[in-house]
Protein backbone atom coordinates (compact mmCIF):
# COMPACT_ATOMS: atom_id res chain seq x y z
CA UNK A 1 -180.77 116.42 -76.58
CA UNK A 2 -179.79 113.58 -74.62
CA UNK A 3 -183.29 112.81 -73.20
CA UNK A 4 -184.67 113.55 -76.84
CA UNK A 5 -182.33 110.59 -78.20
CA UNK A 6 -183.64 108.44 -75.34
CA UNK A 7 -187.54 109.08 -76.11
CA UNK A 8 -186.77 108.25 -79.60
CA UNK A 9 -184.83 105.10 -78.73
CA UNK A 10 -188.04 104.00 -76.33
CA UNK A 11 -190.15 104.85 -78.99
CA UNK A 12 -188.66 102.51 -81.28
CA UNK A 13 -188.35 99.95 -78.57
CA UNK A 14 -191.93 100.15 -77.68
CA UNK A 15 -193.20 100.21 -81.25
CA UNK A 16 -195.39 103.52 -80.36
CA UNK A 17 -198.09 104.40 -82.65
CA UNK A 18 -197.84 107.08 -85.34
CA UNK A 19 -200.04 109.76 -83.09
CA UNK A 20 -197.47 109.15 -80.30
CA UNK A 21 -194.35 109.71 -82.74
CA UNK A 22 -196.61 113.24 -83.68
CA UNK A 23 -196.77 114.09 -80.16
CA UNK A 24 -193.45 113.07 -79.21
CA UNK A 25 -191.69 114.85 -82.14
CA UNK A 26 -193.94 118.09 -81.22
CA UNK A 27 -192.80 117.59 -77.67
CA UNK A 28 -189.09 117.40 -78.39
CA UNK A 29 -189.74 120.22 -81.27
CA UNK A 30 -191.28 122.38 -78.74
CA UNK A 31 -188.43 122.28 -75.90
CA UNK A 32 -185.75 122.98 -78.83
CA UNK A 33 -187.53 125.81 -80.02
CA UNK A 34 -188.06 127.43 -76.65
CA UNK A 35 -184.19 126.73 -76.25
CA UNK A 36 -183.48 128.60 -79.48
CA UNK A 37 -185.61 131.55 -78.39
CA UNK A 38 -184.20 131.71 -75.04
CA UNK A 39 -180.85 131.74 -76.46
CA UNK A 40 -181.37 134.25 -78.99
CA UNK A 41 -183.26 136.60 -76.30
CA UNK A 42 -180.40 136.22 -73.75
CA UNK A 43 -177.92 137.07 -76.53
CA UNK A 44 -179.77 140.24 -77.95
CA UNK A 45 -180.19 141.23 -74.13
CA UNK A 46 -176.41 140.86 -73.70
CA UNK A 47 -175.71 142.85 -76.55
CA UNK A 48 -177.99 145.70 -75.66
CA UNK A 49 -177.02 145.76 -72.35
CA UNK A 50 -173.71 143.95 -71.64
CA UNK A 51 -173.71 145.04 -68.17
CA UNK A 52 -176.39 143.69 -65.28
CA UNK A 53 -179.57 145.55 -65.42
CA UNK A 54 -182.65 144.54 -63.32
CA UNK A 55 -184.91 144.74 -66.58
CA UNK A 56 -182.48 142.81 -68.30
CA UNK A 57 -182.35 140.18 -65.69
CA UNK A 58 -186.48 139.91 -65.76
CA UNK A 59 -186.57 139.31 -69.51
CA UNK A 60 -183.71 136.76 -69.27
CA UNK A 61 -185.87 135.28 -66.50
CA UNK A 62 -189.16 135.31 -68.48
CA UNK A 63 -187.62 133.54 -71.62
CA UNK A 64 -185.85 130.72 -69.31
CA UNK A 65 -189.45 130.38 -67.59
CA UNK A 66 -190.59 129.74 -71.20
CA UNK A 67 -188.00 126.81 -71.43
CA UNK A 68 -189.40 125.27 -68.26
CA UNK A 69 -192.93 125.58 -69.23
CA UNK A 70 -192.19 123.71 -72.32
CA UNK A 71 -190.12 121.15 -70.39
CA UNK A 72 -193.43 120.32 -68.27
CA UNK A 73 -195.35 120.06 -71.37
CA UNK A 74 -193.06 117.79 -72.90
CA UNK A 75 -192.91 115.67 -69.79
CA UNK A 76 -196.59 115.79 -69.23
CA UNK A 77 -196.86 114.08 -73.10
CA UNK A 78 -194.19 111.72 -72.53
CA UNK A 79 -195.70 110.20 -69.50
CA UNK A 80 -199.13 109.91 -71.37
CA UNK A 81 -197.30 108.29 -73.84
CA UNK A 82 -195.08 105.68 -71.87
CA UNK A 83 -196.49 105.33 -68.63
CA UNK A 84 -198.83 102.27 -70.24
CA UNK A 85 -196.12 100.79 -71.86
CA UNK A 86 -193.97 100.64 -68.71
CA UNK A 87 -197.01 99.22 -66.58
CA UNK A 88 -197.68 96.66 -69.20
CA UNK A 89 -194.00 95.79 -69.01
CA UNK A 90 -193.72 95.68 -65.11
CA UNK A 91 -197.31 94.11 -64.67
CA UNK A 92 -195.78 90.42 -64.49
CA UNK A 93 -193.54 91.62 -61.56
CA UNK A 94 -196.76 92.24 -59.31
CA UNK A 95 -198.98 89.49 -60.35
């Protein structure tokens, strides 16, 4: 949530385009949705089998992996949006 707030503030500061806003909101929503589904899967798995079980562990690992994948995709989207703005911002320092 903290990073979502930071990139939202950056979006206002850099005045990103409406298309970039669309992708940024999609990326934030993707990660939050994956986190919610991961939490639900873990809660159901713990309810079904409260003790440690290898298969439950694999299920939780797969759910956590989907969150990681969503975060990687969101990071790539963020880089595509913000790297050009940072290059323009830092360009005077290197000329």
